[in-house]
C-alpha atoms as a PDB file:
ATOM      1  CA  MET A   1    -108.354 146.531 346.647  1.00  0.00           C
ATOM      2  CA  GLY A   2    -108.956 143.264 344.756  1.00  0.00           C
ATOM      3  CA  ILE A   3    -107.730 139.954 346.133  1.00  0.00           C
ATOM      4  CA  THR A   4    -105.210 139.497 343.285  1.00  0.00           C
ATOM      5  CA  LYS A   5    -103.694 142.952 343.762  1.00  0.00           C
ATOM      6  CA  LEU A   6    -103.578 142.446 347.537  1.00  0.00           C
ATOM      7  CA  LEU A   7    -101.702 139.145 347.147  1.00  0.00           C
ATOM      8  CA  LYS A   8     -99.275 140.730 344.708  1.00  0.00           C
ATOM      9  CA  LYS A   9     -98.624 143.624 347.092  1.00  0.00           C
ATOM     10  CA  ARG A  10     -98.074 141.311 350.049  1.00  0.00           C
ATOM     11  CA  GLY A  11     -95.783 139.103 347.956  1.00  0.00           C
ATOM     12  CA  ALA A  12     -93.709 142.083 346.874  1.00  0.00           C
ATOM     13  CA  ASP A  13     -93.566 143.415 350.431  1.00  0.00           C
ATOM     14  CA  THR A  14     -92.430 140.004 351.678  1.00  0.00           C
ATOM     15  CA  LEU A  15     -89.701 139.832 349.027  1.00  0.00           C
ATOM     16  CA  ARG A  16     -88.455 143.301 349.924  1.00  0.00           C
ATOM     17  CA  ALA A  17     -88.460 142.420 353.613  1.00  0.00           C
ATOM     18  CA  MET A  18     -86.515 139.182 353.061  1.00  0.00           C
ATOM     19  CA  PHE A  19     -84.030 140.296 350.439  1.00  0.00           C
ATOM     20  CA  GLY A  20     -84.331 144.053 350.211  1.00  0.00           C
ATOM     21  CA  LEU A  21     -85.113 143.747 346.501  1.00  0.00           C
ATOM     22  CA  GLU A  22     -87.641 145.453 344.284  1.00  0.00           C
ATOM     23  CA  MET A  23     -89.190 143.176 341.652  1.00  0.00           C
ATOM     24  CA  THR A  24     -88.194 145.569 338.886  1.00  0.00           C
ATOM     25  CA  PHE A  25     -84.574 145.092 339.958  1.00  0.00           C
ATOM     26  CA  VAL A  26     -85.008 141.308 339.921  1.00  0.00           C
ATOM     27  CA  TRP A  27     -86.446 141.386 336.401  1.00  0.00           C
ATOM     28  CA  MET A  28     -83.650 143.728 335.297  1.00  0.00           C
ATOM     29  CA  ILE A  29     -80.977 141.306 336.531  1.00  0.00           C
ATOM     30  CA  LEU A  30     -82.714 138.283 335.020  1.00  0.00           C
ATOM     31  CA  GLY A  31     -83.240 140.073 331.713  1.00  0.00           C
ATOM     32  CA  PHE A  32     -79.605 141.141 331.634  1.00  0.00           C
ATOM     33  CA  LEU A  33     -78.321 137.635 332.398  1.00  0.00           C
ATOM     34  CA  PHE A  34     -80.599 135.997 329.825  1.00  0.00           C
ATOM     35  CA  ALA A  35     -79.605 138.584 327.198  1.00  0.00           C
ATOM     36  CA  ALA A  36     -75.896 138.254 328.010  1.00  0.00           C
ATOM     37  CA  TYR A  37     -76.072 134.468 327.668  1.00  0.00           C
ATOM     38  CA  SER A  38     -77.940 134.757 324.379  1.00  0.00           C
ATOM     39  CA  VAL A  39     -75.643 137.379 322.880  1.00  0.00           C
ATOM     40  CA  ILE A  40     -72.517 135.467 323.881  1.00  0.00           C
ATOM     41  CA  GLY A  41     -73.902 132.032 323.022  1.00  0.00           C
ATOM     42  CA  ASN A  42     -75.768 132.941 319.829  1.00  0.00           C
ATOM     43  CA  ASP A  43     -74.685 136.208 318.232  1.00  0.00           C
ATOM     44  CA  SER A  44     -70.985 136.122 319.097  1.00  0.00           C
ATOM     45  CA  ILE A  45     -70.537 133.086 316.840  1.00  0.00           C
ATOM     46  CA  GLN A  46     -71.128 135.446 313.911  1.00  0.00           C
ATOM     47  CA  THR A  47     -67.806 137.077 314.680  1.00  0.00           C
ATOM     48  CA  LEU A  48     -65.901 134.362 316.500  1.00  0.00           C
ATOM     49  CA  GLY A  49     -67.222 131.301 314.663  1.00  0.00           C
ATOM     50  CA  THR A  50     -64.759 131.357 311.783  1.00  0.00           C
ATOM     51  CA  PHE A  51     -62.010 132.332 314.239  1.00  0.00           C
ATOM     52  CA  ILE A  52     -62.724 129.243 316.354  1.00  0.00           C
ATOM     53  CA  ALA A  53     -63.109 126.992 313.294  1.00  0.00           C
ATOM     54  CA  SER A  54     -59.817 128.044 311.697  1.00  0.00           C
ATOM     55  CA  ASN A  55     -57.827 127.858 314.959  1.00  0.00           C
ATOM     56  CA  GLU A  56     -58.937 124.435 316.137  1.00  0.00           C
ATOM     57  CA  LYS A  57     -55.347 123.486 317.018  1.00  0.00           C
ATOM     58  CA  THR A  58     -54.832 126.539 319.237  1.00  0.00           C
ATOM     59  CA  LYS A  59     -55.551 126.250 322.958  1.00  0.00           C
ATOM     60  CA  TRP A  60     -58.989 127.667 323.745  1.00  0.00           C
ATOM     61  CA  TYR A  61     -57.713 129.956 326.510  1.00  0.00           C
ATOM     62  CA  TYR A  62     -55.377 131.778 324.104  1.00  0.00           C
ATOM     63  CA  LEU A  63     -58.330 132.530 321.819  1.00  0.00           C
ATOM     64  CA  TRP A  64     -60.413 133.538 324.827  1.00  0.00           C
ATOM     65  CA  GLY A  65     -57.725 135.881 326.171  1.00  0.00           C
ATOM     66  CA  PHE A  66     -57.485 137.648 322.809  1.00  0.00           C
ATOM     67  CA  ALA A  67     -61.258 138.113 322.492  1.00  0.00           C
ATOM     68  CA  ALA A  68     -61.660 139.095 326.160  1.00  0.00           C
ATOM     69  CA  LEU A  69     -58.978 141.792 325.879  1.00  0.00           C
ATOM     70  CA  ILE A  70     -60.716 143.408 322.896  1.00  0.00           C
ATOM     71  CA  LEU A  71     -64.078 143.217 324.681  1.00  0.00           C
ATOM     72  CA  VAL A  72     -62.719 144.934 327.792  1.00  0.00           C
ATOM     73  CA  VAL A  73     -61.060 147.676 325.736  1.00  0.00           C
ATOM     74  CA  THR A  74     -64.140 148.243 323.548  1.00  0.00           C
ATOM     75  CA  LEU A  75     -66.592 148.498 326.436  1.00  0.00           C
ATOM     76  CA  SER A  76     -64.188 150.627 328.474  1.00  0.00           C
ATOM     77  CA  VAL A  77     -63.799 153.134 325.644  1.00  0.00           C
ATOM     78  CA  SER A  78     -67.586 153.365 325.312  1.00  0.00           C
ATOM     79  CA  TYR A  79     -68.129 153.548 329.085  1.00  0.00           C
ATOM     80  CA  PHE A  80     -65.604 156.280 329.840  1.00  0.00           C
ATOM     81  CA  GLY A  81     -66.307 158.168 326.610  1.00  0.00           C
ATOM     82  CA  ASN A  82     -70.111 158.221 326.916  1.00  0.00           C
ATOM     83  CA  GLY A  83     -70.749 158.941 330.569  1.00  0.00           C
ATOM     84  CA  GLY A  84     -71.319 155.373 331.716  1.00  0.00           C
ATOM     85  CA  ASP A  85     -73.061 154.125 328.555  1.00  0.00           C
ATOM     86  CA  ILE A  86     -71.616 150.846 327.225  1.00  0.00           C
ATOM     87  CA  ALA A  87     -73.880 150.711 324.130  1.00  0.00           C
ATOM     88  CA  SER A  88     -71.879 153.185 322.003  1.00  0.00           C
ATOM     89  CA  GLY A  89     -74.921 155.437 321.628  1.00  0.00           C
ATOM     90  CA  ARG A  90     -77.082 152.740 319.983  1.00  0.00           C
ATOM     91  CA  LEU A  91     -79.827 153.192 322.588  1.00  0.00           C
ATOM     92  CA  GLU A  92     -80.331 156.935 322.277  1.00  0.00           C
ATOM     93  CA  ARG A  93     -83.808 156.345 320.820  1.00  0.00           C
ATOM     94  CA  ILE A  94     -84.717 153.725 323.429  1.00  0.00           C
ATOM     95  CA  PRO A  95     -84.872 155.322 326.903  1.00  0.00           C
ATOM     96  CA  PHE A  96     -84.420 153.209 330.018  1.00  0.00           C
ATOM     97  CA  VAL A  97     -87.663 151.904 331.499  1.00  0.00           C
ATOM     98  CA  GLU A  98     -88.455 149.935 334.625  1.00  0.00           C
ATOM     99  CA  ILE A  99     -88.005 146.304 333.665  1.00  0.00           C
ATOM    100  CA  GLN A 100     -91.098 144.139 334.051  1.00  0.00           C
ATOM    101  CA  TRP A 101     -91.500 140.367 333.860  1.00  0.00           C
ATOM    102  CA  TYR A 102     -92.580 140.496 330.224  1.00  0.00           C
ATOM    103  CA  HIS A 103     -89.366 142.302 329.187  1.00  0.00           C
ATOM    104  CA  ALA A 104     -87.387 139.282 330.397  1.00  0.00           C
ATOM    105  CA  LEU A 105     -89.428 136.953 328.166  1.00  0.00           C
ATOM    106  CA  ALA A 106     -87.564 138.032 325.020  1.00  0.00           C
ATOM    107  CA  PRO A 107     -84.043 137.011 326.117  1.00  0.00           C
ATOM    108  CA  LEU A 108     -85.503 133.907 327.791  1.00  0.00           C
ATOM    109  CA  ALA A 109     -86.919 132.880 324.399  1.00  0.00           C
ATOM    110  CA  LEU A 110     -83.446 133.449 322.966  1.00  0.00           C
ATOM    111  CA  VAL A 111     -81.877 131.194 325.577  1.00  0.00           C
ATOM    112  CA  ILE A 112     -84.276 128.413 324.587  1.00  0.00           C
ATOM    113  CA  LEU A 113     -83.758 128.900 320.837  1.00  0.00           C
ATOM    114  CA  THR A 114     -79.987 129.046 321.299  1.00  0.00           C
ATOM    115  CA  ARG A 115     -80.082 125.614 322.916  1.00  0.00           C
ATOM    116  CA  PHE A 116     -81.477 124.283 319.633  1.00  0.00           C
ATOM    117  CA  GLY A 117     -78.789 126.029 317.566  1.00  0.00           C
ATOM    118  CA  ILE A 118     -81.224 128.401 315.834  1.00  0.00           C
ATOM    119  CA  PRO A 119     -79.588 131.672 314.608  1.00  0.00           C
ATOM    120  CA  VAL A 120     -82.278 134.094 315.772  1.00  0.00           C
ATOM    121  CA  SER A 121     -81.713 137.835 315.556  1.00  0.00           C
ATOM    122  CA  THR A 122     -81.026 139.051 319.076  1.00  0.00           C
ATOM    123  CA  SER A 123     -81.573 142.683 318.053  1.00  0.00           C
ATOM    124  CA  LEU A 124     -85.040 142.057 316.657  1.00  0.00           C
ATOM    125  CA  LEU A 125     -86.117 139.725 319.427  1.00  0.00           C
ATOM    126  CA  VAL A 126     -84.814 141.678 322.429  1.00  0.00           C
ATOM    127  CA  LEU A 127     -85.289 145.247 321.232  1.00  0.00           C
ATOM    128  CA  SER A 128     -88.839 144.465 320.115  1.00  0.00           C
ATOM    129  CA  ALA A 129     -89.677 144.401 323.824  1.00  0.00           C
ATOM    130  CA  PHE A 130     -88.603 148.038 324.224  1.00  0.00           C
ATOM    131  CA  ALA A 131     -88.865 149.782 320.864  1.00  0.00           C
ATOM    132  CA  SER A 132     -91.940 151.520 319.521  1.00  0.00           C
ATOM    133  CA  SER A 133     -93.594 150.044 316.442  1.00  0.00           C
ATOM    134  CA  VAL A 134     -92.089 152.814 314.299  1.00  0.00           C
ATOM    135  CA  LEU A 135     -88.562 152.215 315.591  1.00  0.00           C
ATOM    136  CA  PHE A 136     -88.994 148.439 315.298  1.00  0.00           C
ATOM    137  CA  SER A 137     -89.936 148.905 311.631  1.00  0.00           C
ATOM    138  CA  SER A 138     -86.748 150.953 311.119  1.00  0.00           C
ATOM    139  CA  ILE A 139     -84.654 148.234 312.798  1.00  0.00           C
ATOM    140  CA  LEU A 140     -86.268 145.587 310.592  1.00  0.00           C
ATOM    141  CA  LEU A 141     -85.777 147.610 307.402  1.00  0.00           C
ATOM    142  CA  LYS A 142     -82.136 148.293 308.206  1.00  0.00           C
ATOM    143  CA  SER A 143     -81.584 144.605 308.961  1.00  0.00           C
ATOM    144  CA  ALA A 144     -83.190 143.530 305.680  1.00  0.00           C
ATOM    145  CA  MET A 145     -80.970 145.990 303.809  1.00  0.00           C
ATOM    146  CA  GLY A 146     -77.975 144.538 305.638  1.00  0.00           C
ATOM    147  CA  TYR A 147     -78.901 141.002 304.547  1.00  0.00           C
ATOM    148  CA  ALA A 148     -79.350 142.049 300.905  1.00  0.00           C
ATOM    149  CA  ILE A 149     -76.172 144.116 300.673  1.00  0.00           C
ATOM    150  CA  ALA A 150     -74.085 141.445 302.412  1.00  0.00           C
ATOM    151  CA  ALA A 151     -75.451 138.720 300.095  1.00  0.00           C
ATOM    152  CA  VAL A 152     -74.740 140.740 296.930  1.00  0.00           C
ATOM    153  CA  VAL A 153     -71.259 141.796 298.050  1.00  0.00           C
ATOM    154  CA  ALA A 154     -70.349 138.230 299.015  1.00  0.00           C
ATOM    155  CA  TYR A 155     -71.721 136.760 295.785  1.00  0.00           C
ATOM    156  CA  VAL A 156     -69.766 139.157 293.580  1.00  0.00           C
ATOM    157  CA  LEU A 157     -66.574 138.850 295.618  1.00  0.00           C
ATOM    158  CA  TRP A 158     -66.455 135.062 295.815  1.00  0.00           C
ATOM    159  CA  PHE A 159     -67.574 134.640 292.231  1.00  0.00           C
ATOM    160  CA  VAL A 160     -64.412 136.561 291.272  1.00  0.00           C
ATOM    161  CA  ILE A 161     -61.961 134.986 293.741  1.00  0.00           C
ATOM    162  CA  PHE A 162     -63.345 131.427 293.727  1.00  0.00           C
ATOM    163  CA  LYS A 163     -60.335 129.837 292.015  1.00  0.00           C
ATOM    164  CA  TRP A 164     -57.999 131.539 294.464  1.00  0.00           C
ATOM    165  CA  ASP A 165     -60.023 130.974 297.653  1.00  0.00           C
ATOM    166  CA  ASN A 166     -60.954 127.306 297.719  1.00  0.00           C
ATOM    167  CA  LYS A 167     -59.684 124.114 299.291  1.00  0.00           C
ATOM    168  CA  ASN A 168     -57.907 123.051 296.089  1.00  0.00           C
ATOM    169  CA  ASN A 169     -55.625 126.071 296.365  1.00  0.00           C
ATOM    170  CA  PRO A 170     -54.298 125.897 299.950  1.00  0.00           C
ATOM    171  CA  VAL A 171     -52.149 128.554 301.559  1.00  0.00           C
ATOM    172  CA  PRO A 172     -48.439 127.755 300.994  1.00  0.00           C
ATOM    173  CA  LYS A 173     -46.581 126.738 304.145  1.00  0.00           C
ATOM    174  CA  GLU A 174     -44.264 129.740 303.966  1.00  0.00           C
ATOM    175  CA  ARG A 175     -47.271 132.120 304.006  1.00  0.00           C
ATOM    176  CA  GLU A 176     -49.262 130.523 306.805  1.00  0.00           C
ATOM    177  CA  LEU A 177     -47.815 132.829 309.477  1.00  0.00           C
ATOM    178  CA  ILE A 178     -48.745 135.912 307.442  1.00  0.00           C
ATOM    179  CA  TRP A 179     -52.310 134.674 306.981  1.00  0.00           C
ATOM    180  CA  ARG A 180     -52.509 133.754 310.665  1.00  0.00           C
ATOM    181  CA  ILE A 181     -51.584 137.336 311.621  1.00  0.00           C
ATOM    182  CA  LEU A 182     -54.063 138.712 309.084  1.00  0.00           C
ATOM    183  CA  GLN A 183     -56.803 136.448 310.405  1.00  0.00           C
ATOM    184  CA  TRP A 184     -56.306 137.452 314.033  1.00  0.00           C
ATOM    185  CA  SER A 185     -56.261 141.102 312.944  1.00  0.00           C
ATOM    186  CA  ALA A 186     -59.480 140.635 310.961  1.00  0.00           C
ATOM    187  CA  THR A 187     -61.142 138.953 313.937  1.00  0.00           C
ATOM    188  CA  GLY A 188     -60.075 141.762 316.267  1.00  0.00           C
ATOM    189  CA  PHE A 189     -61.427 144.389 313.872  1.00  0.00           C
ATOM    190  CA  LEU A 190     -64.693 142.491 313.413  1.00  0.00           C
ATOM    191  CA  TRP A 191     -65.098 141.759 317.133  1.00  0.00           C
ATOM    192  CA  TYR A 192     -64.701 145.459 317.956  1.00  0.00           C
ATOM    193  CA  THR A 193     -67.139 146.541 315.223  1.00  0.00           C
ATOM    194  CA  TRP A 194     -69.690 143.895 316.164  1.00  0.00           C
ATOM    195  CA  LEU A 195     -69.565 144.795 319.863  1.00  0.00           C
ATOM    196  CA  SER A 196     -70.313 148.414 318.945  1.00  0.00           C
ATOM    197  CA  HIS A 197     -73.577 147.157 317.421  1.00  0.00           C
ATOM    198  CA  ASP A 198     -74.789 144.245 319.500  1.00  0.00           C
ATOM    199  CA  ILE A 199     -73.851 145.159 323.045  1.00  0.00           C
ATOM    200  CA  ALA A 200     -76.980 147.335 322.940  1.00  0.00           C
ATOM    201  CA  ASN A 201     -79.059 144.136 323.081  1.00  0.00           C
ATOM    202  CA  VAL A 202     -77.772 143.547 326.609  1.00  0.00           C
ATOM    203  CA  ALA A 203     -77.354 147.155 327.742  1.00  0.00           C
ATOM    204  CA  VAL A 204     -81.037 147.842 327.033  1.00  0.00           C
ATOM    205  CA  PHE A 205     -81.820 146.129 330.361  1.00  0.00           C
ATOM    206  CA  LEU A 206     -79.409 148.365 332.278  1.00  0.00           C
ATOM    207  CA  PRO A 207     -79.357 152.036 333.286  1.00  0.00           C
ATOM    208  CA  ARG A 208     -77.676 154.181 330.644  1.00  0.00           C
ATOM    209  CA  ASP A 209     -75.194 155.544 333.204  1.00  0.00           C
ATOM    210  CA  LEU A 210     -73.647 152.600 335.053  1.00  0.00           C
ATOM    211  CA  ASN A 211     -71.417 153.312 338.046  1.00  0.00           C
ATOM    212  CA  ILE A 212     -67.943 151.780 338.115  1.00  0.00           C
ATOM    213  CA  THR A 213     -68.991 148.826 340.312  1.00  0.00           C
ATOM    214  CA  GLN A 214     -71.846 147.943 337.982  1.00  0.00           C
ATOM    215  CA  PHE A 215     -69.540 148.273 334.985  1.00  0.00           C
ATOM    216  CA  ILE A 216     -66.992 145.861 336.456  1.00  0.00           C
ATOM    217  CA  MET A 217     -69.738 143.354 337.222  1.00  0.00           C
ATOM    218  CA  VAL A 218     -71.039 143.579 333.637  1.00  0.00           C
ATOM    219  CA  LEU A 219     -67.531 143.057 332.268  1.00  0.00           C
ATOM    220  CA  SER A 220     -67.069 140.031 334.515  1.00  0.00           C
ATOM    221  CA  VAL A 221     -70.252 138.390 333.199  1.00  0.00           C
ATOM    222  CA  PHE A 222     -69.117 138.868 329.598  1.00  0.00           C
ATOM    223  CA  VAL A 223     -65.578 137.677 330.152  1.00  0.00           C
ATOM    224  CA  LEU A 224     -66.701 134.534 331.972  1.00  0.00           C
ATOM    225  CA  GLY A 225     -69.340 133.886 329.305  1.00  0.00           C
ATOM    226  CA  LEU A 226     -66.698 134.136 326.598  1.00  0.00           C
ATOM    227  CA  ALA A 227     -64.554 131.625 328.457  1.00  0.00           C
ATOM    228  CA  TYR A 228     -67.425 129.142 328.367  1.00  0.00           C
ATOM    229  CA  ILE A 229     -68.014 129.669 324.633  1.00  0.00           C
ATOM    230  CA  PHE A 230     -64.352 129.135 323.736  1.00  0.00           C
ATOM    231  CA  TRP A 231     -64.124 126.140 326.036  1.00  0.00           C
ATOM    232  CA  LYS A 232     -67.135 124.635 324.229  1.00  0.00           C
ATOM    233  CA  ARG A 233     -65.631 125.602 320.855  1.00  0.00           C
ATOM    234  CA  GLY A 234     -68.732 127.582 319.932  1.00  0.00           C
ATOM    235  CA  GLY A 235     -71.426 125.140 320.994  1.00  0.00           C
ATOM    236  CA  LYS A 236     -74.332 124.023 318.803  1.00  0.00           C
ATOM    237  CA  ILE A 237     -74.722 127.329 316.975  1.00  0.00           C
ATOM    238  CA  GLN A 238     -71.202 126.817 315.576  1.00  0.00           C
ATOM    239  CA  ASN A 239     -72.719 124.331 313.107  1.00  0.00           C
ATOM    240  CA  ILE A 240     -74.069 127.299 311.114  1.00  0.00           C
ATOM    241  CA  VAL A 241     -70.453 128.146 310.298  1.00  0.00           C
ATOM    242  CA  LEU A 242     -69.060 124.626 309.938  1.00  0.00           C
ATOM    243  CA  GLU A 243     -71.694 123.463 307.447  1.00  0.00           C
ATOM    244  CA  LYS A 244     -70.628 126.134 304.941  1.00  0.00           C
ATOM    245  CA  SER A 245     -67.867 125.410 302.419  1.00  0.00           C
ATOM    246  CA  HIS A 246     -64.375 125.319 304.015  1.00  0.00           C
ATOM    247  CA  THR A 247     -64.973 128.184 306.456  1.00  0.00           C
ATOM    248  CA  ASN A 248     -62.320 126.572 308.647  1.00  0.00           C
ATOM    249  CA  TYR A 249     -59.565 127.459 306.166  1.00  0.00           C
ATOM    250  CA  ILE A 250     -57.598 130.409 307.436  1.00  0.00           C
ATOM    251  CA  ARG A 251     -57.715 132.415 304.188  1.00  0.00           C
ATOM    252  CA  SER A 252     -61.482 131.980 303.815  1.00  0.00           C
ATOM    253  CA  ALA A 253     -62.065 132.855 307.472  1.00  0.00           C
ATOM    254  CA  THR A 254     -59.931 135.982 307.136  1.00  0.00           C
ATOM    255  CA  ILE A 255     -61.770 137.282 304.064  1.00  0.00           C
ATOM    256  CA  ILE A 256     -65.179 136.547 305.620  1.00  0.00           C
ATOM    257  CA  ASP A 257     -64.241 138.447 308.785  1.00  0.00           C
ATOM    258  CA  PHE A 258     -62.900 141.478 306.907  1.00  0.00           C
ATOM    259  CA  CYS A 259     -66.005 141.665 304.691  1.00  0.00           C
ATOM    260  CA  PHE A 260     -68.341 141.320 307.643  1.00  0.00           C
ATOM    261  CA  ALA A 261     -66.498 144.003 309.618  1.00  0.00           C
ATOM    262  CA  LEU A 262     -66.523 146.493 306.735  1.00  0.00           C
ATOM    263  CA  ILE A 263     -70.254 145.987 306.123  1.00  0.00           C
ATOM    264  CA  LEU A 264     -71.027 146.502 309.822  1.00  0.00           C
ATOM    265  CA  LEU A 265     -68.822 149.597 309.897  1.00  0.00           C
ATOM    266  CA  PHE A 266     -70.699 150.961 306.864  1.00  0.00           C
ATOM    267  CA  PHE A 267     -74.069 150.552 308.584  1.00  0.00           C
ATOM    268  CA  LYS A 268     -72.724 151.916 311.855  1.00  0.00           C
ATOM    269  CA  GLU A 269     -71.811 155.176 310.144  1.00  0.00           C
ATOM    270  CA  ILE A 270     -75.221 155.556 308.449  1.00  0.00           C
ATOM    271  CA  ASN A 271     -77.147 156.163 311.689  1.00  0.00           C
ATOM    272  CA  ASN A 272     -77.409 154.960 315.292  1.00  0.00           C
ATOM    273  CA  ILE A 273     -80.490 152.779 314.744  1.00  0.00           C
ATOM    274  CA  PRO A 274     -79.721 149.240 315.953  1.00  0.00           C
ATOM    275  CA  MET A 275     -79.809 146.430 313.400  1.00  0.00           C
ATOM    276  CA  SER A 276     -79.604 142.660 313.228  1.00  0.00           C
ATOM    277  CA  THR A 277     -76.003 141.627 312.692  1.00  0.00           C
ATOM    278  CA  THR A 278     -77.304 138.057 312.442  1.00  0.00           C
ATOM    279  CA  TRP A 279     -79.121 138.924 309.226  1.00  0.00           C
ATOM    280  CA  VAL A 280     -75.956 140.507 307.818  1.00  0.00           C
ATOM    281  CA  PHE A 281     -73.884 137.460 308.739  1.00  0.00           C
ATOM    282  CA  ILE A 282     -76.352 134.959 307.249  1.00  0.00           C
ATOM    283  CA  GLY A 283     -76.629 137.104 304.111  1.00  0.00           C
ATOM    284  CA  LEU A 284     -72.845 137.115 303.772  1.00  0.00           C
ATOM    285  CA  LEU A 285     -72.508 133.345 304.116  1.00  0.00           C
ATOM    286  CA  SER A 286     -75.485 132.697 301.814  1.00  0.00           C
ATOM    287  CA  GLY A 287     -74.154 134.958 299.047  1.00  0.00           C
ATOM    288  CA  ARG A 288     -70.742 133.336 299.353  1.00  0.00           C
ATOM    289  CA  GLU A 289     -72.210 129.839 299.219  1.00  0.00           C
ATOM    290  CA  LEU A 290     -74.278 130.643 296.117  1.00  0.00           C
ATOM    291  CA  ALA A 291     -71.260 132.132 294.335  1.00  0.00           C
ATOM    292  CA  MET A 292     -69.024 129.155 295.081  1.00  0.00           C
ATOM    293  CA  TYR A 293     -71.603 126.642 293.899  1.00  0.00           C
ATOM    294  CA  ALA A 294     -72.255 128.752 290.780  1.00  0.00           C
ATOM    295  CA  ARG A 295     -68.582 128.364 289.802  1.00  0.00           C
ATOM    296  CA  ILE A 296     -68.723 124.578 290.030  1.00  0.00           C
ATOM    297  CA  ALA A 297     -69.141 122.906 286.637  1.00  0.00           C
ATOM    298  CA  ASP A 298     -71.953 120.554 287.651  1.00  0.00           C
ATOM    299  CA  TYR A 299     -73.695 123.179 289.763  1.00  0.00           C
ATOM    300  CA  LYS A 300     -77.396 122.729 290.401  1.00  0.00           C
ATOM    301  CA  PHE A 301     -79.422 125.087 292.548  1.00  0.00           C
ATOM    302  CA  LYS A 302     -80.990 122.170 294.400  1.00  0.00           C
ATOM    303  CA  HIS A 303     -77.561 121.370 295.873  1.00  0.00           C
ATOM    304  CA  VAL A 304     -77.188 124.710 297.659  1.00  0.00           C
ATOM    305  CA  PHE A 305     -80.834 125.583 298.318  1.00  0.00           C
ATOM    306  CA  PRO A 306     -81.176 123.311 301.391  1.00  0.00           C
ATOM    307  CA  ILE A 307     -78.280 125.108 303.087  1.00  0.00           C
ATOM    308  CA  VAL A 308     -79.255 128.680 302.173  1.00  0.00           C
ATOM    309  CA  GLY A 309     -82.988 128.059 302.445  1.00  0.00           C
ATOM    310  CA  LYS A 310     -82.646 126.541 305.898  1.00  0.00           C
ATOM    311  CA  ASP A 311     -80.924 129.663 307.201  1.00  0.00           C
ATOM    312  CA  VAL A 312     -83.604 131.927 305.710  1.00  0.00           C
ATOM    313  CA  LEU A 313     -86.350 129.835 307.296  1.00  0.00           C
ATOM    314  CA  ARG A 314     -84.584 130.130 310.642  1.00  0.00           C
ATOM    315  CA  LEU A 315     -84.425 133.906 310.279  1.00  0.00           C
ATOM    316  CA  MET A 316     -88.130 134.067 309.383  1.00  0.00           C
ATOM    317  CA  PHE A 317     -88.965 131.904 312.382  1.00  0.00           C
ATOM    318  CA  GLY A 318     -86.985 134.243 314.641  1.00  0.00           C
ATOM    319  CA  LEU A 319     -88.748 137.256 313.104  1.00  0.00           C
ATOM    320  CA  ALA A 320     -92.146 135.683 313.756  1.00  0.00           C
ATOM    321  CA  VAL A 321     -91.216 135.086 317.400  1.00  0.00           C
ATOM    322  CA  SER A 322     -89.990 138.693 317.684  1.00  0.00           C
ATOM    323  CA  ILE A 323     -93.253 140.085 316.329  1.00  0.00           C
ATOM    324  CA  LEU A 324     -95.323 137.877 318.636  1.00  0.00           C
ATOM    325  CA  ILE A 325     -93.319 139.008 321.666  1.00  0.00           C
ATOM    326  CA  ALA A 326     -93.622 142.663 320.619  1.00  0.00           C
ATOM    327  CA  LEU A 327     -97.403 142.314 320.253  1.00  0.00           C
ATOM    328  CA  ALA A 328     -97.670 140.519 323.591  1.00  0.00           C
ATOM    329  CA  ILE A 329     -95.708 143.236 325.399  1.00  0.00           C
ATOM    330  CA  GLN A 330     -97.640 146.062 323.752  1.00  0.00           C
ATOM    331  CA  ASN A 331    -100.809 144.398 324.999  1.00  0.00           C
ATOM    332  CA  ALA A 332     -99.380 143.267 328.342  1.00  0.00           C
ATOM    333  CA  ASP A 333    -101.875 145.332 330.330  1.00  0.00           C
ATOM    334  CA  THR A 334    -104.785 143.758 328.466  1.00  0.00           C
ATOM    335  CA  ILE A 335    -103.368 140.256 328.938  1.00  0.00           C
ATOM    336  CA  GLY A 336    -102.777 140.964 332.633  1.00  0.00           C
ATOM    337  CA  PHE A 337    -106.355 142.162 332.985  1.00  0.00           C
ATOM    338  CA  PHE A 338    -107.733 138.872 331.648  1.00  0.00           C
ATOM    339  CA  ILE A 339    -105.351 136.851 333.832  1.00  0.00           C
ATOM    340  CA  ASN A 340    -106.374 138.776 336.921  1.00  0.00           C
ATOM    341  CA  SER A 341    -110.020 138.251 336.017  1.00  0.00           C
ATOM    342  CA  PHE A 342    -109.571 134.556 336.741  1.00  0.00           C
END
């Protein structure tokens, strides 16, 4: 046995003796925690960003309680209806594997990128560590279709309703309560639909048949993570929402949420291949932004390009990172061989 392998074996034996832990279990827990932080801190702003922005006067713990209740119900329905699976069947084509150190690199990269407020696709980045090249291509194609369809739908819709949905035509005082109810309903619908898609990015690190204790622990991590996000009012990634035109108006936020939810529901019914909801969300906001600027009399493309173009560049950067991680993992044995050679 080589010196490197002997040291690794002794290190693993020592860890098991001290803590009773297998390294694969350690990597599974770390991968899960990194992914949970990334999904809650990065991707959840897609669904909760406009909700937070348009309810800035509401106490954060009321918003948190509403979102946490829907999360618990959604995951419970999936758990008890699918034999312990919380991913709503989105991982049927990705079997559970023993988690290695390189699997945890993907969500760790997400944690770092999230700290800089970059809207990276969690689905592409995390699932690239587990999916085959063929399945990864299907995920990427479906995500690109989602971006295109969302952008076109948003452009057409807001080009038509621009005069009605803009800051110069505020919601009358007597209708604010109605719009507030509609907005909370839209957020609940979107939050449920989004969870059905993106919870797979965290569940991929876990066994597909969690026992009840494990399920409660997973729920606790999510609920506490949500509390932090609402307390921080979305964090840095919230700027992606706030920099767009009056997304903090309740009527605009409501329409955005309903559109986003319907598009996600459409793709959910097509097949069970995971997709990037981040790409759909950015496509929706970009199409909306282009339509609104196109209706302005002195519109010039150079005014809106920095906003839309910046988001596209961020998505491309995230895609590049995803591909690099996928290539690194697929060649992990080769990389490990060269490392051990030294």
